[in-house]
PDB file of all heavy atoms in Angstrom:
ATOM      1  N   ALA A   1       8.173  15.129 -29.099  1.00  0.00           N
ATOM      2  CA  ALA A   1       9.475  14.592 -28.825  1.00  0.00           C
ATOM      3  C   ALA A   1      10.308  15.417 -27.858  1.00  0.00           C
ATOM      4  O   ALA A   1      11.125  14.855 -27.157  1.00  0.00           O
ATOM      5  CB  ALA A   1      10.267  14.440 -30.151  1.00  0.00           C
ATOM      6  N   ARG A   2      10.065  16.709 -27.789  1.00  0.00           N
ATOM      7  CA  ARG A   2      10.860  17.575 -26.924  1.00  0.00           C
ATOM      8  C   ARG A   2      10.085  18.040 -25.667  1.00  0.00           C
ATOM      9  O   ARG A   2      10.614  18.878 -24.921  1.00  0.00           O
ATOM     10  CB  ARG A   2      11.434  18.724 -27.683  1.00  0.00           C
ATOM     11  CG  ARG A   2      12.384  18.328 -28.823  1.00  0.00           C
ATOM     12  CD  ARG A   2      12.985  19.517 -29.504  1.00  0.00           C
ATOM     13  NE  ARG A   2      13.891  19.104 -30.547  1.00  0.00           N
ATOM     14  CZ  ARG A   2      15.151  18.761 -30.375  1.00  0.00           C
ATOM     15  NH1 ARG A   2      15.686  18.817 -29.152  1.00  0.00           N
ATOM     16  NH2 ARG A   2      15.950  18.445 -31.406  1.00  0.00           N
ATOM     17  N   ARG A   3       8.878  17.629 -25.525  1.00  0.00           N
ATOM     18  CA  ARG A   3       8.069  18.079 -24.390  1.00  0.00           C
ATOM     19  C   ARG A   3       8.460  17.301 -23.128  1.00  0.00           C
ATOM     20  O   ARG A   3       8.804  16.108 -23.201  1.00  0.00           O
ATOM     21  CB  ARG A   3       6.611  17.945 -24.709  1.00  0.00           C
ATOM     22  CG  ARG A   3       6.111  18.774 -25.826  1.00  0.00           C
ATOM     23  CD  ARG A   3       4.662  18.534 -26.166  1.00  0.00           C
ATOM     24  NE  ARG A   3       4.269  19.228 -27.377  1.00  0.00           N
ATOM     25  CZ  ARG A   3       3.072  19.102 -27.961  1.00  0.00           C
ATOM     26  NH1 ARG A   3       2.184  18.291 -27.421  1.00  0.00           N
ATOM     27  NH2 ARG A   3       2.777  19.744 -29.082  1.00  0.00           N
ATOM     28  N   PRO A   4       8.410  17.967 -21.993  1.00  0.00           N
ATOM     29  CA  PRO A   4       8.707  17.229 -20.705  1.00  0.00           C
ATOM     30  C   PRO A   4       7.750  16.118 -20.471  1.00  0.00           C
ATOM     31  O   PRO A   4       6.526  16.230 -20.826  1.00  0.00           O
ATOM     32  CB  PRO A   4       8.613  18.332 -19.660  1.00  0.00           C
ATOM     33  CG  PRO A   4       7.753  19.422 -20.262  1.00  0.00           C
ATOM     34  CD  PRO A   4       8.031  19.356 -21.703  1.00  0.00           C
ATOM     35  N   LEU A   5       8.192  15.006 -19.890  1.00  0.00           N
ATOM     36  CA  LEU A   5       7.312  13.870 -19.663  1.00  0.00           C
ATOM     37  C   LEU A   5       7.579  13.303 -18.312  1.00  0.00           C
ATOM     38  O   LEU A   5       8.654  13.502 -17.706  1.00  0.00           O
ATOM     39  CB  LEU A   5       7.397  12.838 -20.736  1.00  0.00           C
ATOM     40  CG  LEU A   5       8.715  11.995 -20.930  1.00  0.00           C
ATOM     41  CD1 LEU A   5       8.851  10.915 -19.893  1.00  0.00           C
ATOM     42  CD2 LEU A   5       8.744  11.387 -22.328  1.00  0.00           C
ATOM     43  N   THR A   6       6.645  12.527 -17.869  1.00  0.00           N
ATOM     44  CA  THR A   6       6.775  11.739 -16.633  1.00  0.00           C
ATOM     45  C   THR A   6       5.819  10.567 -16.627  1.00  0.00           C
ATOM     46  O   THR A   6       4.789  10.607 -17.368  1.00  0.00           O
ATOM     47  CB  THR A   6       6.538  12.616 -15.360  1.00  0.00           C
ATOM     48  OG1 THR A   6       6.903  11.882 -14.166  1.00  0.00           O
ATOM     49  CG2 THR A   6       5.136  13.070 -15.268  1.00  0.00           C
ATOM     50  N   TRP A   7       6.074   9.538 -15.849  1.00  0.00           N
ATOM     51  CA  TRP A   7       5.087   8.453 -15.702  1.00  0.00           C
ATOM     52  C   TRP A   7       5.180   7.972 -14.253  1.00  0.00           C
ATOM     53  O   TRP A   7       6.217   8.042 -13.592  1.00  0.00           O
ATOM     54  CB  TRP A   7       5.313   7.331 -16.691  1.00  0.00           C
ATOM     55  CG  TRP A   7       6.480   6.448 -16.459  1.00  0.00           C
ATOM     56  CD1 TRP A   7       6.517   5.246 -15.733  1.00  0.00           C
ATOM     57  CD2 TRP A   7       7.813   6.612 -16.970  1.00  0.00           C
ATOM     58  NE1 TRP A   7       7.790   4.720 -15.751  1.00  0.00           N
ATOM     59  CE2 TRP A   7       8.598   5.476 -16.509  1.00  0.00           C
ATOM     60  CE3 TRP A   7       8.445   7.563 -17.774  1.00  0.00           C
ATOM     61  CZ2 TRP A   7       9.947   5.356 -16.834  1.00  0.00           C
ATOM     62  CZ3 TRP A   7       9.755   7.428 -18.096  1.00  0.00           C
ATOM     63  CH2 TRP A   7      10.500   6.317 -17.621  1.00  0.00           C
ATOM     64  N   ARG A   8       4.066   7.452 -13.786  1.00  0.00           N
ATOM     65  CA  ARG A   8       3.976   6.971 -12.403  1.00  0.00           C
ATOM     66  C   ARG A   8       3.093   5.737 -12.327  1.00  0.00           C
ATOM     67  O   ARG A   8       2.102   5.621 -13.063  1.00  0.00           O
ATOM     68  CB  ARG A   8       3.378   8.030 -11.482  1.00  0.00           C
ATOM     69  CG  ARG A   8       4.235   9.299 -11.272  1.00  0.00           C
ATOM     70  CD  ARG A   8       5.425   8.953 -10.427  1.00  0.00           C
ATOM     71  NE  ARG A   8       6.229  10.172 -10.130  1.00  0.00           N
ATOM     72  CZ  ARG A   8       7.193  10.609 -10.963  1.00  0.00           C
ATOM     73  NH1 ARG A   8       7.486  10.007 -12.066  1.00  0.00           N
ATOM     74  NH2 ARG A   8       7.846  11.700 -10.605  1.00  0.00           N
ATOM     75  N   GLN A   9       3.487   4.818 -11.482  1.00  0.00           N
ATOM     76  CA  GLN A   9       2.595   3.714 -11.147  1.00  0.00           C
ATOM     77  C   GLN A   9       1.626   4.153 -10.037  1.00  0.00           C
ATOM     78  O   GLN A   9       2.070   4.813  -9.046  1.00  0.00           O
ATOM     79  CB  GLN A   9       3.377   2.462 -10.696  1.00  0.00           C
ATOM     80  CG  GLN A   9       2.470   1.292 -10.426  1.00  0.00           C
ATOM     81  CD  GLN A   9       3.201  -0.055 -10.636  1.00  0.00           C
ATOM     82  OE1 GLN A   9       4.276  -0.089 -11.146  1.00  0.00           O
ATOM     83  NE2 GLN A   9       2.533  -1.129 -10.279  1.00  0.00           N
ATOM     84  N   LEU A  10       0.365   3.873 -10.224  1.00  0.00           N
ATOM     85  CA  LEU A  10      -0.701   4.368  -9.348  1.00  0.00           C
ATOM     86  C   LEU A  10      -1.177   3.301  -8.355  1.00  0.00           C
ATOM     87  O   LEU A  10      -1.026   2.107  -8.617  1.00  0.00           O
ATOM     88  CB  LEU A  10      -1.857   4.882 -10.177  1.00  0.00           C
ATOM     89  CG  LEU A  10      -1.570   5.893 -11.250  1.00  0.00           C
ATOM     90  CD1 LEU A  10      -2.786   6.145 -12.136  1.00  0.00           C
ATOM     91  CD2 LEU A  10      -1.090   7.229 -10.623  1.00  0.00           C
ATOM     92  N   THR A  11      -1.758   3.765  -7.310  1.00  0.00           N
ATOM     93  CA  THR A  11      -2.424   2.847  -6.351  1.00  0.00           C
ATOM     94  C   THR A  11      -3.802   2.501  -6.837  1.00  0.00           C
ATOM     95  O   THR A  11      -4.574   3.340  -7.250  1.00  0.00           O
ATOM     96  CB  THR A  11      -2.548   3.527  -4.954  1.00  0.00           C
ATOM     97  OG1 THR A  11      -1.218   3.846  -4.484  1.00  0.00           O
ATOM     98  CG2 THR A  11      -3.224   2.640  -3.994  1.00  0.00           C
ATOM     99  N   VAL A  12      -4.117   1.194  -6.838  1.00  0.00           N
ATOM    100  CA  VAL A  12      -5.418   0.700  -7.193  1.00  0.00           C
ATOM    101  C   VAL A  12      -6.099   0.206  -5.875  1.00  0.00           C
ATOM    102  O   VAL A  12      -5.487  -0.577  -5.149  1.00  0.00           O
ATOM    103  CB  VAL A  12      -5.356  -0.447  -8.223  1.00  0.00           C
ATOM    104  CG1 VAL A  12      -6.768  -0.911  -8.588  1.00  0.00           C
ATOM    105  CG2 VAL A  12      -4.595   0.033  -9.473  1.00  0.00           C
ATOM    106  N   ALA A  13      -7.295   0.667  -5.666  1.00  0.00           N
ATOM    107  CA  ALA A  13      -8.019   0.315  -4.409  1.00  0.00           C
ATOM    108  C   ALA A  13      -9.267  -0.504  -4.746  1.00  0.00           C
ATOM    109  O   ALA A  13      -9.897  -0.304  -5.740  1.00  0.00           O
ATOM    110  CB  ALA A  13      -8.400   1.577  -3.671  1.00  0.00           C
ATOM    111  N   ASP A  14      -9.550  -1.406  -3.814  1.00  0.00           N
ATOM    112  CA  ASP A  14     -10.742  -2.305  -3.937  1.00  0.00           C
ATOM    113  C   ASP A  14     -11.320  -2.391  -2.491  1.00  0.00           C
ATOM    114  O   ASP A  14     -10.651  -2.857  -1.578  1.00  0.00           O
ATOM    115  CB  ASP A  14     -10.303  -3.698  -4.402  1.00  0.00           C
ATOM    116  CG  ASP A  14     -11.539  -4.586  -4.636  1.00  0.00           C
ATOM    117  OD1 ASP A  14     -12.605  -4.321  -4.076  1.00  0.00           O
ATOM    118  OD2 ASP A  14     -11.367  -5.544  -5.405  1.00  0.00           O
ATOM    119  N   SER A  15     -12.523  -1.906  -2.334  1.00  0.00           N
ATOM    120  CA  SER A  15     -13.229  -1.907  -1.054  1.00  0.00           C
ATOM    121  C   SER A  15     -12.358  -1.261   0.035  1.00  0.00           C
ATOM    122  O   SER A  15     -12.140  -1.779   1.130  1.00  0.00           O
ATOM    123  CB  SER A  15     -13.560  -3.321  -0.631  1.00  0.00           C
ATOM    124  OG  SER A  15     -14.425  -3.921  -1.554  1.00  0.00           O
ATOM    125  N   ARG A  16     -11.783  -0.104  -0.334  1.00  0.00           N
ATOM    126  CA  ARG A  16     -10.952   0.758   0.573  1.00  0.00           C
ATOM    127  C   ARG A  16      -9.660   0.113   0.995  1.00  0.00           C
ATOM    128  O   ARG A  16      -9.002   0.509   1.948  1.00  0.00           O
ATOM    129  CB  ARG A  16     -11.796   1.157   1.811  1.00  0.00           C
ATOM    130  CG  ARG A  16     -12.945   2.093   1.473  1.00  0.00           C
ATOM    131  CD  ARG A  16     -13.731   2.408   2.703  1.00  0.00           C
ATOM    132  NE  ARG A  16     -14.395   1.246   3.254  1.00  0.00           N
ATOM    133  CZ  ARG A  16     -15.178   1.252   4.345  1.00  0.00           C
ATOM    134  NH1 ARG A  16     -15.370   2.379   4.971  1.00  0.00           N
ATOM    135  NH2 ARG A  16     -15.764   0.177   4.775  1.00  0.00           N
ATOM    136  N   SER A  17      -9.250  -0.932   0.251  1.00  0.00           N
ATOM    137  CA  SER A  17      -7.931  -1.564   0.493  1.00  0.00           C
ATOM    138  C   SER A  17      -7.086  -1.454  -0.742  1.00  0.00           C
ATOM    139  O   SER A  17      -7.551  -1.667  -1.846  1.00  0.00           O
ATOM    140  CB  SER A  17      -8.134  -3.082   0.871  1.00  0.00           C
ATOM    141  OG  SER A  17      -8.833  -3.188   2.072  1.00  0.00           O
ATOM    142  N   ASN A  18      -5.812  -1.103  -0.540  1.00  0.00           N
ATOM    143  CA  ASN A  18      -4.865  -1.038  -1.695  1.00  0.00           C
ATOM    144  C   ASN A  18      -4.484  -2.453  -2.152  1.00  0.00           C
ATOM    145  O   ASN A  18      -4.218  -3.312  -1.339  1.00  0.00           O
ATOM    146  CB  ASN A  18      -3.613  -0.288  -1.257  1.00  0.00           C
ATOM    147  CG  ASN A  18      -3.890   1.188  -0.939  1.00  0.00           C
ATOM    148  OD1 ASN A  18      -4.951   1.724  -1.349  1.00  0.00           O
ATOM    149  ND2 ASN A  18      -2.983   1.791  -0.238  1.00  0.00           N
ATOM    150  N   LEU A  19      -4.460  -2.620  -3.442  1.00  0.00           N
ATOM    151  CA  LEU A  19      -4.170  -3.928  -4.031  1.00  0.00           C
ATOM    152  C   LEU A  19      -2.687  -4.073  -4.337  1.00  0.00           C
ATOM    153  O   LEU A  19      -1.971  -3.104  -4.527  1.00  0.00           O
ATOM    154  CB  LEU A  19      -4.946  -4.126  -5.315  1.00  0.00           C
ATOM    155  CG  LEU A  19      -6.489  -4.067  -5.208  1.00  0.00           C
ATOM    156  CD1 LEU A  19      -7.136  -4.234  -6.573  1.00  0.00           C
ATOM    157  CD2 LEU A  19      -6.986  -5.145  -4.262  1.00  0.00           C
ATOM    158  N   GLY A  20      -2.227  -5.331  -4.346  1.00  0.00           N
ATOM    159  CA  GLY A  20      -0.896  -5.657  -4.746  1.00  0.00           C
ATOM    160  C   GLY A  20      -0.759  -5.624  -6.259  1.00  0.00           C
ATOM    161  O   GLY A  20      -1.715  -5.729  -6.998  1.00  0.00           O
ATOM    162  N   ARG A  21       0.502  -5.555  -6.714  1.00  0.00           N
ATOM    163  CA  ARG A  21       0.762  -5.463  -8.142  1.00  0.00           C
ATOM    164  C   ARG A  21       0.399  -6.749  -8.879  1.00  0.00           C
ATOM    165  O   ARG A  21       0.323  -6.782 -10.096  1.00  0.00           O
ATOM    166  CB  ARG A  21       2.239  -5.114  -8.377  1.00  0.00           C
ATOM    167  CG  ARG A  21       2.599  -3.733  -7.893  1.00  0.00           C
ATOM    168  CD  ARG A  21       4.053  -3.386  -8.233  1.00  0.00           C
ATOM    169  NE  ARG A  21       4.413  -2.081  -7.736  1.00  0.00           N
ATOM    170  CZ  ARG A  21       5.591  -1.522  -7.922  1.00  0.00           C
ATOM    171  NH1 ARG A  21       6.543  -2.172  -8.607  1.00  0.00           N
ATOM    172  NH2 ARG A  21       5.858  -0.339  -7.464  1.00  0.00           N
ATOM    173  N   HIS A  22       0.244  -7.863  -8.138  1.00  0.00           N
ATOM    174  CA  HIS A  22      -0.157  -9.116  -8.774  1.00  0.00           C
ATOM    175  C   HIS A  22      -1.643  -9.187  -8.934  1.00  0.00           C
ATOM    176  O   HIS A  22      -2.185 -10.177  -9.517  1.00  0.00           O
ATOM    177  CB  HIS A  22       0.357 -10.310  -7.974  1.00  0.00           C
ATOM    178  CG  HIS A  22      -0.282 -10.399  -6.616  1.00  0.00           C
ATOM    179  ND1 HIS A  22      -0.008  -9.548  -5.586  1.00  0.00           N
ATOM    180  CD2 HIS A  22      -1.223 -11.280  -6.081  1.00  0.00           C
ATOM    181  CE1 HIS A  22      -0.671  -9.881  -4.503  1.00  0.00           C
ATOM    182  NE2 HIS A  22      -1.425 -10.898  -4.801  1.00  0.00           N
ATOM    183  N   GLU A  23      -2.399  -8.168  -8.444  1.00  0.00           N
ATOM    184  CA  GLU A  23      -3.855  -8.160  -8.539  1.00  0.00           C
ATOM    185  C   GLU A  23      -4.338  -7.146  -9.623  1.00  0.00           C
ATOM    186  O   GLU A  23      -5.196  -7.473 -10.434  1.00  0.00           O
ATOM    187  CB  GLU A  23      -4.447  -7.782  -7.204  1.00  0.00           C
ATOM    188  CG  GLU A  23      -4.173  -8.852  -6.127  1.00  0.00           C
ATOM    189  CD  GLU A  23      -4.590  -8.399  -4.713  1.00  0.00           C
ATOM    190  OE1 GLU A  23      -4.075  -7.350  -4.250  1.00  0.00           O
ATOM    191  OE2 GLU A  23      -5.457  -9.094  -4.120  1.00  0.00           O
ATOM    192  N   ALA A  24      -3.808  -5.952  -9.557  1.00  0.00           N
ATOM    193  CA  ALA A  24      -4.171  -4.919 -10.593  1.00  0.00           C
ATOM    194  C   ALA A  24      -3.130  -3.823 -10.563  1.00  0.00           C
ATOM    195  O   ALA A  24      -2.522  -3.563  -9.522  1.00  0.00           O
ATOM    196  CB  ALA A  24      -5.586  -4.340 -10.274  1.00  0.00           C
ATOM    197  N   VAL A  25      -2.926  -3.162 -11.709  1.00  0.00           N
ATOM    198  CA  VAL A  25      -2.006  -2.077 -11.791  1.00  0.00           C
ATOM    199  C   VAL A  25      -2.601  -0.921 -12.523  1.00  0.00           C
ATOM    200  O   VAL A  25      -3.516  -1.070 -13.375  1.00  0.00           O
ATOM    201  CB  VAL A  25      -0.689  -2.493 -12.503  1.00  0.00           C
ATOM    202  CG1 VAL A  25       0.062  -3.543 -11.705  1.00  0.00           C
ATOM    203  CG2 VAL A  25      -1.013  -3.064 -13.911  1.00  0.00           C
ATOM    204  N   GLY A  26      -2.114   0.266 -12.216  1.00  0.00           N
ATOM    205  CA  GLY A  26      -2.555   1.473 -12.912  1.00  0.00           C
ATOM    206  C   GLY A  26      -1.332   2.383 -13.166  1.00  0.00           C
ATOM    207  O   GLY A  26      -0.387   2.368 -12.346  1.00  0.00           O
ATOM    208  N   PHE A  27      -1.349   3.105 -14.251  1.00  0.00           N
ATOM    209  CA  PHE A  27      -0.204   4.001 -14.642  1.00  0.00           C
ATOM    210  C   PHE A  27      -0.781   5.305 -15.166  1.00  0.00           C
ATOM    211  O   PHE A  27      -1.829   5.341 -15.832  1.00  0.00           O
ATOM    212  CB  PHE A  27       0.630   3.334 -15.717  1.00  0.00           C
ATOM    213  CG  PHE A  27       1.115   1.926 -15.359  1.00  0.00           C
ATOM    214  CD1 PHE A  27       0.388   0.830 -15.861  1.00  0.00           C
ATOM    215  CD2 PHE A  27       2.180   1.724 -14.567  1.00  0.00           C
ATOM    216  CE1 PHE A  27       0.830  -0.424 -15.561  1.00  0.00           C
ATOM    217  CE2 PHE A  27       2.625   0.450 -14.243  1.00  0.00           C
ATOM    218  CZ  PHE A  27       1.939  -0.653 -14.767  1.00  0.00           C
ATOM    219  N   ARG A  28      -0.023   6.369 -14.875  1.00  0.00           N
ATOM    220  CA  ARG A  28      -0.291   7.675 -15.445  1.00  0.00           C
ATOM    221  C   ARG A  28       0.901   8.094 -16.292  1.00  0.00           C
ATOM    222  O   ARG A  28       2.024   8.019 -15.830  1.00  0.00           O
ATOM    223  CB  ARG A  28      -0.546   8.731 -14.336  1.00  0.00           C
ATOM    224  CG  ARG A  28      -0.803  10.132 -14.910  1.00  0.00           C
ATOM    225  CD  ARG A  28      -1.091  11.139 -13.772  1.00  0.00           C
ATOM    226  NE  ARG A  28       0.092  11.336 -12.952  1.00  0.00           N
ATOM    227  CZ  ARG A  28       1.022  12.262 -13.137  1.00  0.00           C
ATOM    228  NH1 ARG A  28       0.946  13.036 -14.243  1.00  0.00           N
ATOM    229  NH2 ARG A  28       2.019  12.411 -12.316  1.00  0.00           N
ATOM    230  N   VAL A  29       0.616   8.527 -17.530  1.00  0.00           N
ATOM    231  CA  VAL A  29       1.635   9.031 -18.417  1.00  0.00           C
ATOM    232  C   VAL A  29       1.336  10.489 -18.759  1.00  0.00           C
ATOM    233  O   VAL A  29       0.173  10.802 -19.131  1.00  0.00           O
ATOM    234  CB  VAL A  29       1.724   8.198 -19.729  1.00  0.00           C
ATOM    235  CG1 VAL A  29       2.782   8.755 -20.648  1.00  0.00           C
ATOM    236  CG2 VAL A  29       2.006   6.734 -19.435  1.00  0.00           C
ATOM    237  N   GLN A  30       2.310  11.384 -18.647  1.00  0.00           N
ATOM    238  CA  GLN A  30       2.097  12.770 -18.969  1.00  0.00           C
ATOM    239  C   GLN A  30       3.210  13.250 -19.866  1.00  0.00           C
ATOM    240  O   GLN A  30       4.386  13.063 -19.570  1.00  0.00           O
ATOM    241  CB  GLN A  30       2.051  13.665 -17.722  1.00  0.00           C
ATOM    242  CG  GLN A  30       1.843  15.140 -18.043  1.00  0.00           C
ATOM    243  CD  GLN A  30       1.672  15.989 -16.817  1.00  0.00           C
ATOM    244  OE1 GLN A  30       1.698  15.488 -15.664  1.00  0.00           O
ATOM    245  NE2 GLN A  30       1.485  17.291 -16.961  1.00  0.00           N
ATOM    246  N   VAL A  31       2.839  13.836 -21.000  1.00  0.00           N
ATOM    247  CA  VAL A  31       3.766  14.471 -21.934  1.00  0.00           C
ATOM    248  C   VAL A  31       3.276  15.883 -22.196  1.00  0.00           C
ATOM    249  O   VAL A  31       2.185  16.055 -22.748  1.00  0.00           O
ATOM    250  CB  VAL A  31       3.885  13.692 -23.239  1.00  0.00           C
ATOM    251  CG1 VAL A  31       4.981  14.303 -24.125  1.00  0.00           C
ATOM    252  CG2 VAL A  31       4.220  12.232 -22.990  1.00  0.00           C
ATOM    253  N   GLY A  32       4.026  16.865 -21.762  1.00  0.00           N
ATOM    254  CA  GLY A  32       3.501  18.253 -21.860  1.00  0.00           C
ATOM    255  C   GLY A  32       2.219  18.396 -21.045  1.00  0.00           C
ATOM    256  O   GLY A  32       2.184  17.997 -19.868  1.00  0.00           O
ATOM    257  N   GLN A  33       1.185  18.875 -21.666  1.00  0.00           N
ATOM    258  CA  GLN A  33      -0.111  19.037 -21.000  1.00  0.00           C
ATOM    259  C   GLN A  33      -1.031  17.839 -21.238  1.00  0.00           C
ATOM    260  O   GLN A  33      -2.130  17.820 -20.711  1.00  0.00           O
ATOM    261  CB  GLN A  33      -0.785  20.349 -21.523  1.00  0.00           C
ATOM    262  CG  GLN A  33      -0.041  21.578 -21.188  1.00  0.00           C
ATOM    263  CD  GLN A  33       0.195  21.762 -19.710  1.00  0.00           C
ATOM    264  OE1 GLN A  33      -0.749  21.669 -18.928  1.00  0.00           O
ATOM    265  NE2 GLN A  33       1.430  22.045 -19.300  1.00  0.00           N
ATOM    266  N   GLU A  34      -0.576  16.843 -22.003  1.00  0.00           N
ATOM    267  CA  GLU A  34      -1.422  15.673 -22.300  1.00  0.00           C
ATOM    268  C   GLU A  34      -1.169  14.586 -21.251  1.00  0.00           C
ATOM    269  O   GLU A  34      -0.001  14.305 -20.907  1.00  0.00           O
ATOM    270  CB  GLU A  34      -1.112  15.172 -23.710  1.00  0.00           C
ATOM    271  CG  GLU A  34      -1.444  16.132 -24.788  1.00  0.00           C
ATOM    272  CD  GLU A  34      -1.113  15.575 -26.158  1.00  0.00           C
ATOM    273  OE1 GLU A  34      -1.953  14.840 -26.732  1.00  0.00           O
ATOM    274  OE2 GLU A  34       0.021  15.856 -26.673  1.00  0.00           O
ATOM    275  N   GLN A  35      -2.242  13.931 -20.804  1.00  0.00           N
ATOM    276  CA  GLN A  35      -2.144  12.913 -19.848  1.00  0.00           C
ATOM    277  C   GLN A  35      -3.003  11.686 -20.207  1.00  0.00           C
ATOM    278  O   GLN A  35      -4.100  11.913 -20.734  1.00  0.00           O
ATOM    279  CB  GLN A  35      -2.527  13.376 -18.440  1.00  0.00           C
ATOM    280  CG  GLN A  35      -1.617  14.445 -17.872  1.00  0.00           C
ATOM    281  CD  GLN A  35      -1.897  14.716 -16.414  1.00  0.00           C
ATOM    282  OE1 GLN A  35      -1.644  13.860 -15.543  1.00  0.00           O
ATOM    283  NE2 GLN A  35      -2.412  15.895 -16.097  1.00  0.00           N
ATOM    284  N   TRP A  36      -2.509  10.492 -19.870  1.00  0.00           N
ATOM    285  CA  TRP A  36      -3.263   9.284 -20.132  1.00  0.00           C
ATOM    286  C   TRP A  36      -3.296   8.423 -18.855  1.00  0.00           C
ATOM    287  O   TRP A  36      -2.360   8.450 -18.042  1.00  0.00           O
ATOM    288  CB  TRP A  36      -2.643   8.482 -21.256  1.00  0.00           C
ATOM    289  CG  TRP A  36      -2.668   9.113 -22.608  1.00  0.00           C
ATOM    290  CD1 TRP A  36      -3.613   8.939 -23.582  1.00  0.00           C
ATOM    291  CD2 TRP A  36      -1.720  10.016 -23.138  1.00  0.00           C
ATOM    292  NE1 TRP A  36      -3.314   9.667 -24.680  1.00  0.00           N
ATOM    293  CE2 TRP A  36      -2.138  10.365 -24.431  1.00  0.00           C
ATOM    294  CE3 TRP A  36      -0.520  10.583 -22.640  1.00  0.00           C
ATOM    295  CZ2 TRP A  36      -1.426  11.199 -25.273  1.00  0.00           C
ATOM    296  CZ3 TRP A  36       0.204  11.432 -23.461  1.00  0.00           C
ATOM    297  CH2 TRP A  36      -0.262  11.731 -24.750  1.00  0.00           C
ATOM    298  N   LEU A  37      -4.332   7.631 -18.738  1.00  0.00           N
ATOM    299  CA  LEU A  37      -4.467   6.652 -17.683  1.00  0.00           C
ATOM    300  C   LEU A  37      -4.493   5.259 -18.305  1.00  0.00           C
ATOM    301  O   LEU A  37      -5.249   5.021 -19.279  1.00  0.00           O
ATOM    302  CB  LEU A  37      -5.749   6.875 -16.854  1.00  0.00           C
ATOM    303  CG  LEU A  37      -6.103   5.784 -15.839  1.00  0.00           C
ATOM    304  CD1 LEU A  37      -5.084   5.750 -14.701  1.00  0.00           C
ATOM    305  CD2 LEU A  37      -7.522   6.025 -15.285  1.00  0.00           C
TER     306      LEU A  37
END
């Protein structure tokens, strides 16, 4: 509850091209030293 946190929307690539948010999305969540994808 008191650990620093952040989250970010990530770039998703397909055949070396970045996809739009209507095609696929990725997110990273970090709380303290723990991270999720």
